[in-house]
Amino acid sequence: MDIAITSIILGVFGLVIAVVLNKQTDAAIRAEDERAKELIVKMDERMEKGEKETQEIIKKMDERTERTEREHRETLQYIASLQLLHD
């Protein structure tokens, strides 16, 4: 009879341990999922910021190119007008 009681106690003890470990595992998985979600959000924010900065740089480069081309045309027109005056 002592063996039967001991077996029951050990079985209940094993069941309690299994339940506790299962809950701890679930909590750890949820915490890891939450950390992963936070990392994904941060990465998305960084990527969006990087894309905005890249677009700003491209816009500035386009503006500089347009200004340089305009100045070049104006210079060529000025040189052409000087040549007409000289002739």
PDB file of N, CA and C in Angstrom:
ATOM      1  N   MET A   1       0.804  -1.175   0.000  1.00  0.00           N
ATOM      2  CA  MET A   1       0.000   0.000   0.000  1.00  0.00           C
ATOM      3  C   MET A   1       0.863   1.261   0.000  1.00  0.00           C
ATOM      4  N   ASP A   2       1.984   1.212   0.675  1.00  0.00           N
ATOM      5  CA  ASP A   2       2.880   2.359   0.694  1.00  0.00           C
ATOM      6  C   ASP A   2       3.395   2.685  -0.705  1.00  0.00           C
ATOM      7  N   ILE A   3       3.618   1.656  -1.503  1.00  0.00           N
ATOM      8  CA  ILE A   3       4.102   1.872  -2.869  1.00  0.00           C
ATOM      9  C   ILE A   3       3.031   2.561  -3.701  1.00  0.00           C
ATOM     10  N   ALA A   4       1.788   2.200  -3.501  1.00  0.00           N
ATOM     11  CA  ALA A   4       0.688   2.814  -4.250  1.00  0.00           C
ATOM     12  C   ALA A   4       0.557   4.283  -3.889  1.00  0.00           C
ATOM     13  N   ILE A   5       0.636   4.601  -2.612  1.00  0.00           N
ATOM     14  CA  ILE A   5       0.534   5.995  -2.171  1.00  0.00           C
ATOM     15  C   ILE A   5       1.730   6.793  -2.682  1.00  0.00           C
ATOM     16  N   THR A   6       2.909   6.182  -2.587  1.00  0.00           N
ATOM     17  CA  THR A   6       4.119   6.844  -3.078  1.00  0.00           C
ATOM     18  C   THR A   6       4.005   7.094  -4.576  1.00  0.00           C
ATOM     19  N   SER A   7       3.487   6.140  -5.311  1.00  0.00           N
ATOM     20  CA  SER A   7       3.313   6.297  -6.759  1.00  0.00           C
ATOM     21  C   SER A   7       2.340   7.424  -7.070  1.00  0.00           C
ATOM     22  N   ILE A   8       1.258   7.489  -6.314  1.00  0.00           N
ATOM     23  CA  ILE A   8       0.266   8.550  -6.529  1.00  0.00           C
ATOM     24  C   ILE A   8       0.888   9.910  -6.227  1.00  0.00           C
ATOM     25  N   ILE A   9       1.605   9.997  -5.099  1.00  0.00           N
ATOM     26  CA  ILE A   9       2.245  11.268  -4.726  1.00  0.00           C
ATOM     27  C   ILE A   9       3.258  11.684  -5.784  1.00  0.00           C
ATOM     28  N   LEU A  10       4.075  10.737  -6.241  1.00  0.00           N
ATOM     29  CA  LEU A  10       5.065  11.048  -7.280  1.00  0.00           C
ATOM     30  C   LEU A  10       4.384  11.444  -8.588  1.00  0.00           C
ATOM     31  N   GLY A  11       3.274  10.788  -8.906  1.00  0.00           N
ATOM     32  CA  GLY A  11       2.525  11.127 -10.119  1.00  0.00           C
ATOM     33  C   GLY A  11       1.966  12.534 -10.056  1.00  0.00           C
ATOM     34  N   VAL A  12       1.376  12.879  -8.907  1.00  0.00           N
ATOM     35  CA  VAL A  12       0.832  14.230  -8.717  1.00  0.00           C
ATOM     36  C   VAL A  12       1.969  15.247  -8.759  1.00  0.00           C
ATOM     37  N   PHE A  13       3.066  14.933  -8.097  1.00  0.00           N
ATOM     38  CA  PHE A  13       4.228  15.820  -8.087  1.00  0.00           C
ATOM     39  C   PHE A  13       4.754  16.023  -9.513  1.00  0.00           C
ATOM     40  N   GLY A  14       4.828  14.953 -10.270  1.00  0.00           N
ATOM     41  CA  GLY A  14       5.267  15.045 -11.674  1.00  0.00           C
ATOM     42  C   GLY A  14       4.319  15.886 -12.505  1.00  0.00           C
ATOM     43  N   LEU A  15       3.024  15.724 -12.254  1.00  0.00           N
ATOM     44  CA  LEU A  15       2.016  16.506 -12.972  1.00  0.00           C
ATOM     45  C   LEU A  15       2.147  17.993 -12.644  1.00  0.00           C
ATOM     46  N   VAL A  16       2.351  18.303 -11.363  1.00  0.00           N
ATOM     47  CA  VAL A  16       2.529  19.702 -10.948  1.00  0.00           C
ATOM     48  C   VAL A  16       3.770  20.291 -11.615  1.00  0.00           C
ATOM     49  N   ILE A  17       4.855  19.544 -11.611  1.00  0.00           N
ATOM     50  CA  ILE A  17       6.089  20.015 -12.257  1.00  0.00           C
ATOM     51  C   ILE A  17       5.849  20.253 -13.745  1.00  0.00           C
ATOM     52  N   ALA A  18       5.145  19.353 -14.400  1.00  0.00           N
ATOM     53  CA  ALA A  18       4.865  19.502 -15.833  1.00  0.00           C
ATOM     54  C   ALA A  18       4.041  20.756 -16.101  1.00  0.00           C
ATOM     55  N   VAL A  19       3.033  21.012 -15.272  1.00  0.00           N
ATOM     56  CA  VAL A  19       2.187  22.203 -15.442  1.00  0.00           C
ATOM     57  C   VAL A  19       3.007  23.469 -15.236  1.00  0.00           C
ATOM     58  N   VAL A  20       3.826  23.493 -14.180  1.00  0.00           N
ATOM     59  CA  VAL A  20       4.655  24.674 -13.895  1.00  0.00           C
ATOM     60  C   VAL A  20       5.634  24.922 -15.040  1.00  0.00           C
ATOM     61  N   LEU A  21       6.301  23.884 -15.489  1.00  0.00           N
ATOM     62  CA  LEU A  21       7.260  24.040 -16.591  1.00  0.00           C
ATOM     63  C   LEU A  21       6.564  24.501 -17.871  1.00  0.00           C
ATOM     64  N   ASN A  22       5.381  23.988 -18.126  1.00  0.00           N
ATOM     65  CA  ASN A  22       4.622  24.381 -19.310  1.00  0.00           C
ATOM     66  C   ASN A  22       4.269  25.867 -19.252  1.00  0.00           C
ATOM     67  N   LYS A  23       3.829  26.337 -18.075  1.00  0.00           N
ATOM     68  CA  LYS A  23       3.488  27.754 -17.924  1.00  0.00           C
ATOM     69  C   LYS A  23       4.723  28.633 -18.079  1.00  0.00           C
ATOM     70  N   GLN A  24       5.840  28.201 -17.512  1.00  0.00           N
ATOM     71  CA  GLN A  24       7.075  28.973 -17.640  1.00  0.00           C
ATOM     72  C   GLN A  24       7.529  29.029 -19.097  1.00  0.00           C
ATOM     73  N   THR A  25       7.404  27.913 -19.786  1.00  0.00           N
ATOM     74  CA  THR A  25       7.781  27.871 -21.197  1.00  0.00           C
ATOM     75  C   THR A  25       6.889  28.791 -22.017  1.00  0.00           C
ATOM     76  N   ASP A  26       5.591  28.741 -21.764  1.00  0.00           N
ATOM     77  CA  ASP A  26       4.661  29.625 -22.476  1.00  0.00           C
ATOM     78  C   ASP A  26       4.984  31.089 -22.212  1.00  0.00           C
ATOM     79  N   ALA A  27       5.284  31.418 -20.950  1.00  0.00           N
ATOM     80  CA  ALA A  27       5.623  32.807 -20.605  1.00  0.00           C
ATOM     81  C   ALA A  27       6.911  33.232 -21.307  1.00  0.00           C
ATOM     82  N   ALA A  28       7.888  32.350 -21.355  1.00  0.00           N
ATOM     83  CA  ALA A  28       9.151  32.671 -22.022  1.00  0.00           C
ATOM     84  C   ALA A  28       8.934  32.872 -23.521  1.00  0.00           C
ATOM     85  N   ILE A  29       8.101  32.045 -24.111  1.00  0.00           N
ATOM     86  CA  ILE A  29       7.806  32.178 -25.547  1.00  0.00           C
ATOM     87  C   ILE A  29       7.084  33.490 -25.821  1.00  0.00           C
ATOM     88  N   ARG A  30       6.116  33.836 -24.983  1.00  0.00           N
ATOM     89  CA  ARG A  30       5.400  35.109 -25.162  1.00  0.00           C
ATOM     90  C   ARG A  30       6.355  36.294 -25.021  1.00  0.00           C
ATOM     91  N   ALA A  31       7.240  36.231 -24.032  1.00  0.00           N
ATOM     92  CA  ALA A  31       8.205  37.319 -23.831  1.00  0.00           C
ATOM     93  C   ALA A  31       9.135  37.438 -25.036  1.00  0.00           C
ATOM     94  N   GLU A  32       9.582  36.316 -25.555  1.00  0.00           N
ATOM     95  CA  GLU A  32      10.467  36.332 -26.730  1.00  0.00           C
ATOM     96  C   GLU A  32       9.729  36.864 -27.951  1.00  0.00           C
ATOM     97  N   ASP A  33       8.480  36.485 -28.113  1.00  0.00           N
ATOM     98  CA  ASP A  33       7.668  37.012 -29.217  1.00  0.00           C
ATOM     99  C   ASP A  33       7.526  38.527 -29.110  1.00  0.00           C
ATOM    100  N   GLU A  34       7.312  39.008 -27.901  1.00  0.00           N
ATOM    101  CA  GLU A  34       7.165  40.456 -27.688  1.00  0.00           C
ATOM    102  C   GLU A  34       8.468  41.180 -28.032  1.00  0.00           C
ATOM    103  N   ARG A  35       9.589  40.627 -27.616  1.00  0.00           N
ATOM    104  CA  ARG A  35      10.892  41.229 -27.954  1.00  0.00           C
ATOM    105  C   ARG A  35      11.107  41.228 -29.459  1.00  0.00           C
ATOM    106  N   ALA A  36      10.727  40.150 -30.101  1.00  0.00           N
ATOM    107  CA  ALA A  36      10.880  40.072 -31.557  1.00  0.00           C
ATOM    108  C   ALA A  36      10.013  41.125 -32.245  1.00  0.00           C
ATOM    109  N   LYS A  37       8.792  41.310 -31.766  1.00  0.00           N
ATOM    110  CA  LYS A  37       7.909  42.330 -32.345  1.00  0.00           C
ATOM    111  C   LYS A  37       8.511  43.718 -32.175  1.00  0.00           C
ATOM    112  N   GLU A  38       9.069  43.994 -30.993  1.00  0.00           N
ATOM    113  CA  GLU A  38       9.698  45.293 -30.751  1.00  0.00           C
ATOM    114  C   GLU A  38      10.877  45.513 -31.694  1.00  0.00           C
ATOM    115  N   LEU A  39      11.675  44.468 -31.887  1.00  0.00           N
ATOM    116  CA  LEU A  39      12.813  44.583 -32.802  1.00  0.00           C
ATOM    117  C   LEU A  39      12.354  44.845 -34.232  1.00  0.00           C
ATOM    118  N   ILE A  40      11.302  44.177 -34.639  1.00  0.00           N
ATOM    119  CA  ILE A  40      10.771  44.377 -35.992  1.00  0.00           C
ATOM    120  C   ILE A  40      10.282  45.806 -36.158  1.00  0.00           C
ATOM    121  N   VAL A  41       9.596  46.327 -35.149  1.00  0.00           N
ATOM    122  CA  VAL A  41       9.108  47.710 -35.216  1.00  0.00           C
ATOM    123  C   VAL A  41      10.285  48.675 -35.314  1.00  0.00           C
ATOM    124  N   LYS A  42      11.316  48.461 -34.498  1.00  0.00           N
ATOM    125  CA  LYS A  42      12.499  49.332 -34.537  1.00  0.00           C
ATOM    126  C   LYS A  42      13.184  49.256 -35.898  1.00  0.00           C
ATOM    127  N   MET A  43      13.302  48.051 -36.436  1.00  0.00           N
ATOM    128  CA  MET A  43      13.930  47.892 -37.747  1.00  0.00           C
ATOM    129  C   MET A  43      13.115  48.600 -38.820  1.00  0.00           C
ATOM    130  N   ASP A  44      11.797  48.479 -38.757  1.00  0.00           N
ATOM    131  CA  ASP A  44      10.934  49.161 -39.721  1.00  0.00           C
ATOM    132  C   ASP A  44      11.098  50.673 -39.617  1.00  0.00           C
ATOM    133  N   GLU A  45      11.165  51.182 -38.383  1.00  0.00           N
ATOM    134  CA  GLU A  45      11.341  52.624 -38.187  1.00  0.00           C
ATOM    135  C   GLU A  45      12.678  53.087 -38.749  1.00  0.00           C
ATOM    136  N   ARG A  46      13.739  52.320 -38.484  1.00  0.00           N
ATOM    137  CA  ARG A  46      15.064  52.676 -39.010  1.00  0.00           C
ATOM    138  C   ARG A  46      15.072  52.640 -40.530  1.00  0.00           C
ATOM    139  N   MET A  47      14.426  51.626 -41.102  1.00  0.00           N
ATOM    140  CA  MET A  47      14.384  51.515 -42.551  1.00  0.00           C
ATOM    141  C   MET A  47      13.629  52.697 -43.150  1.00  0.00           C
ATOM    142  N   GLU A  48      12.513  53.055 -42.535  1.00  0.00           N
ATOM    143  CA  GLU A  48      11.719  54.180 -43.022  1.00  0.00           C
ATOM    144  C   GLU A  48      12.523  55.477 -42.924  1.00  0.00           C
ATOM    145  N   LYS A  49      13.223  55.648 -41.814  1.00  0.00           N
ATOM    146  CA  LYS A  49      14.059  56.841 -41.634  1.00  0.00           C
ATOM    147  C   LYS A  49      15.163  56.869 -42.693  1.00  0.00           C
ATOM    148  N   GLY A  50      15.785  55.723 -42.931  1.00  0.00           N
ATOM    149  CA  GLY A  50      16.836  55.639 -43.944  1.00  0.00           C
ATOM    150  C   GLY A  50      16.310  55.955 -45.334  1.00  0.00           C
ATOM    151  N   GLU A  51      15.114  55.468 -45.644  1.00  0.00           N
ATOM    152  CA  GLU A  51      14.513  55.745 -46.949  1.00  0.00           C
ATOM    153  C   GLU A  51      14.210  57.234 -47.103  1.00  0.00           C
ATOM    154  N   LYS A  52      13.711  57.860 -46.030  1.00  0.00           N
ATOM    155  CA  LYS A  52      13.427  59.296 -46.082  1.00  0.00           C
ATOM    156  C   LYS A  52      14.712  60.088 -46.295  1.00  0.00           C
ATOM    157  N   GLU A  53      15.760  59.713 -45.567  1.00  0.00           N
ATOM    158  CA  GLU A  53      17.041  60.404 -45.716  1.00  0.00           C
ATOM    159  C   GLU A  53      17.582  60.229 -47.129  1.00  0.00           C
ATOM    160  N   THR A  54      17.448  59.030 -47.675  1.00  0.00           N
ATOM    161  CA  THR A  54      17.907  58.783 -49.040  1.00  0.00           C
ATOM    162  C   THR A  54      17.128  59.637 -50.026  1.00  0.00           C
ATOM    163  N   GLN A  55      15.809  59.722 -49.847  1.00  0.00           N
ATOM    164  CA  GLN A  55      14.991  60.545 -50.738  1.00  0.00           C
ATOM    165  C   GLN A  55      15.374  62.017 -50.634  1.00  0.00           C
ATOM    166  N   GLU A  56      15.682  62.481 -49.421  1.00  0.00           N
ATOM    167  CA  GLU A  56      16.105  63.867 -49.244  1.00  0.00           C
ATOM    168  C   GLU A  56      17.429  64.124 -49.957  1.00  0.00           C
ATOM    169  N   ILE A  57      18.353  63.188 -49.846  1.00  0.00           N
ATOM    170  CA  ILE A  57      19.650  63.325 -50.510  1.00  0.00           C
ATOM    171  C   ILE A  57      19.458  63.353 -52.020  1.00  0.00           C
ATOM    172  N   ILE A  58      18.624  62.456 -52.539  1.00  0.00           N
ATOM    173  CA  ILE A  58      18.361  62.420 -53.981  1.00  0.00           C
ATOM    174  C   ILE A  58      17.735  63.732 -54.432  1.00  0.00           C
ATOM    175  N   LYS A  59      16.799  64.252 -53.646  1.00  0.00           N
ATOM    176  CA  LYS A  59      16.145  65.517 -53.995  1.00  0.00           C
ATOM    177  C   LYS A  59      17.169  66.648 -54.037  1.00  0.00           C
ATOM    178  N   LYS A  60      18.045  66.712 -53.033  1.00  0.00           N
ATOM    179  CA  LYS A  60      19.079  67.753 -53.007  1.00  0.00           C
ATOM    180  C   LYS A  60      20.023  67.611 -54.198  1.00  0.00           C
ATOM    181  N   MET A  61      20.389  66.385 -54.529  1.00  0.00           N
ATOM    182  CA  MET A  61      21.274  66.161 -55.674  1.00  0.00           C
ATOM    183  C   MET A  61      20.594  66.597 -56.967  1.00  0.00           C
ATOM    184  N   ASP A  62      19.310  66.277 -57.109  1.00  0.00           N
ATOM    185  CA  ASP A  62      18.567  66.706 -58.299  1.00  0.00           C
ATOM    186  C   ASP A  62      18.512  68.225 -58.388  1.00  0.00           C
ATOM    187  N   GLU A  63      18.275  68.877 -57.245  1.00  0.00           N
ATOM    188  CA  GLU A  63      18.229  70.341 -57.234  1.00  0.00           C
ATOM    189  C   GLU A  63      19.585  70.928 -57.613  1.00  0.00           C
ATOM    190  N   ARG A  64      20.655  70.358 -57.089  1.00  0.00           N
ATOM    191  CA  ARG A  64      22.006  70.834 -57.431  1.00  0.00           C
ATOM    192  C   ARG A  64      22.289  70.624 -58.916  1.00  0.00           C
ATOM    193  N   THR A  65      21.878  69.471 -59.433  1.00  0.00           N
ATOM    194  CA  THR A  65      22.098  69.186 -60.852  1.00  0.00           C
ATOM    195  C   THR A  65      21.339  70.184 -61.711  1.00  0.00           C
ATOM    196  N   GLU A  66      20.086  70.443 -61.362  1.00  0.00           N
ATOM    197  CA  GLU A  66      19.296  71.421 -62.122  1.00  0.00           C
ATOM    198  C   GLU A  66      19.934  72.803 -62.054  1.00  0.00           C
ATOM    199  N   ARG A  67      20.385  73.197 -60.869  1.00  0.00           N
ATOM    200  CA  ARG A  67      21.019  74.506 -60.713  1.00  0.00           C
ATOM    201  C   ARG A  67      22.306  74.577 -61.539  1.00  0.00           C
ATOM    202  N   THR A  68      23.099  73.522 -61.496  1.00  0.00           N
ATOM    203  CA  THR A  68      24.347  73.489 -62.264  1.00  0.00           C
ATOM    204  C   THR A  68      24.058  73.551 -63.755  1.00  0.00           C
ATOM    205  N   GLU A  69      23.068  72.786 -64.211  1.00  0.00           N
ATOM    206  CA  GLU A  69      22.712  72.819 -65.636  1.00  0.00           C
ATOM    207  C   GLU A  69      22.210  74.196 -66.046  1.00  0.00           C
ATOM    208  N   ARG A  70      21.403  74.831 -65.199  1.00  0.00           N
ATOM    209  CA  ARG A  70      20.896  76.172 -65.486  1.00  0.00           C
ATOM    210  C   ARG A  70      22.052  77.179 -65.559  1.00  0.00           C
ATOM    211  N   GLU A  71      22.967  77.090 -64.594  1.00  0.00           N
ATOM    212  CA  GLU A  71      24.125  77.987 -64.600  1.00  0.00           C
ATOM    213  C   GLU A  71      24.992  77.747 -65.827  1.00  0.00           C
ATOM    214  N   HIS A  72      25.119  76.492 -66.218  1.00  0.00           N
ATOM    215  CA  HIS A  72      25.910  76.161 -67.406  1.00  0.00           C
ATOM    216  C   HIS A  72      25.265  76.766 -68.658  1.00  0.00           C
ATOM    217  N   ARG A  73      23.948  76.627 -68.788  1.00  0.00           N
ATOM    218  CA  ARG A  73      23.245  77.221 -69.930  1.00  0.00           C
ATOM    219  C   ARG A  73      23.397  78.741 -69.937  1.00  0.00           C
ATOM    220  N   GLU A  74      23.259  79.349 -68.753  1.00  0.00           N
ATOM    221  CA  GLU A  74      23.406  80.801 -68.663  1.00  0.00           C
ATOM    222  C   GLU A  74      24.814  81.234 -69.055  1.00  0.00           C
ATOM    223  N   THR A  75      25.794  80.461 -68.634  1.00  0.00           N
ATOM    224  CA  THR A  75      27.180  80.775 -68.992  1.00  0.00           C
ATOM    225  C   THR A  75      27.379  80.654 -70.493  1.00  0.00           C
ATOM    226  N   LEU A  76      26.832  79.597 -71.088  1.00  0.00           N
ATOM    227  CA  LEU A  76      26.962  79.428 -72.538  1.00  0.00           C
ATOM    228  C   LEU A  76      26.258  80.559 -73.283  1.00  0.00           C
ATOM    229  N   GLN A  77      25.094  80.972 -72.796  1.00  0.00           N
ATOM    230  CA  GLN A  77      24.384  82.090 -73.426  1.00  0.00           C
ATOM    231  C   GLN A  77      25.191  83.375 -73.294  1.00  0.00           C
ATOM    232  N   TYR A  78      25.810  83.585 -72.151  1.00  0.00           N
ATOM    233  CA  TYR A  78      26.620  84.779 -71.935  1.00  0.00           C
ATOM    234  C   TYR A  78      27.821  84.771 -72.876  1.00  0.00           C
ATOM    235  N   ILE A  79      28.472  83.621 -72.987  1.00  0.00           N
ATOM    236  CA  ILE A  79      29.628  83.508 -73.895  1.00  0.00           C
ATOM    237  C   ILE A  79      29.187  83.753 -75.330  1.00  0.00           C
ATOM    238  N   ALA A  80      28.041  83.188 -75.711  1.00  0.00           N
ATOM    239  CA  ALA A  80      27.538  83.392 -77.074  1.00  0.00           C
ATOM    240  C   ALA A  80      27.229  84.864 -77.308  1.00  0.00           C
ATOM    241  N   SER A  81      26.658  85.549 -76.325  1.00  0.00           N
ATOM    242  CA  SER A  81      26.354  86.975 -76.499  1.00  0.00           C
ATOM    243  C   SER A  81      27.633  87.792 -76.584  1.00  0.00           C
ATOM    244  N   LEU A  82      28.664  87.403 -75.850  1.00  0.00           N
ATOM    245  CA  LEU A  82      29.950  88.103 -75.943  1.00  0.00           C
ATOM    246  C   LEU A  82      30.567  87.905 -77.323  1.00  0.00           C
ATOM    247  N   GLN A  83      30.433  86.706 -77.851  1.00  0.00           N
ATOM    248  CA  GLN A  83      30.981  86.443 -79.184  1.00  0.00           C
ATOM    249  C   GLN A  83      30.243  87.257 -80.236  1.00  0.00           C
ATOM    250  N   LEU A  84      28.918  87.399 -80.080  1.00  0.00           N
ATOM    251  CA  LEU A  84      28.145  88.209 -81.023  1.00  0.00           C
ATOM    252  C   LEU A  84      28.571  89.667 -80.943  1.00  0.00           C
ATOM    253  N   LEU A  85      28.825  90.156 -79.745  1.00  0.00           N
ATOM    254  CA  LEU A  85      29.277  91.538 -79.583  1.00  0.00           C
ATOM    255  C   LEU A  85      30.667  91.730 -80.170  1.00  0.00           C
ATOM    256  N   HIS A  86      31.485  90.726 -80.051  1.00  0.00           N
ATOM    257  CA  HIS A  86      32.864  90.809 -80.541  1.00  0.00           C
ATOM    258  C   HIS A  86      32.908  90.782 -82.061  1.00  0.00           C
ATOM    259  N   ASP A  87      31.991  90.058 -82.663  1.00  0.00           N
ATOM    260  CA  ASP A  87      31.990  89.924 -84.128  1.00  0.00           C
ATOM    261  C   ASP A  87      31.439  91.141 -84.728  1.00  0.00           C
TER     262      ASP A  87
END
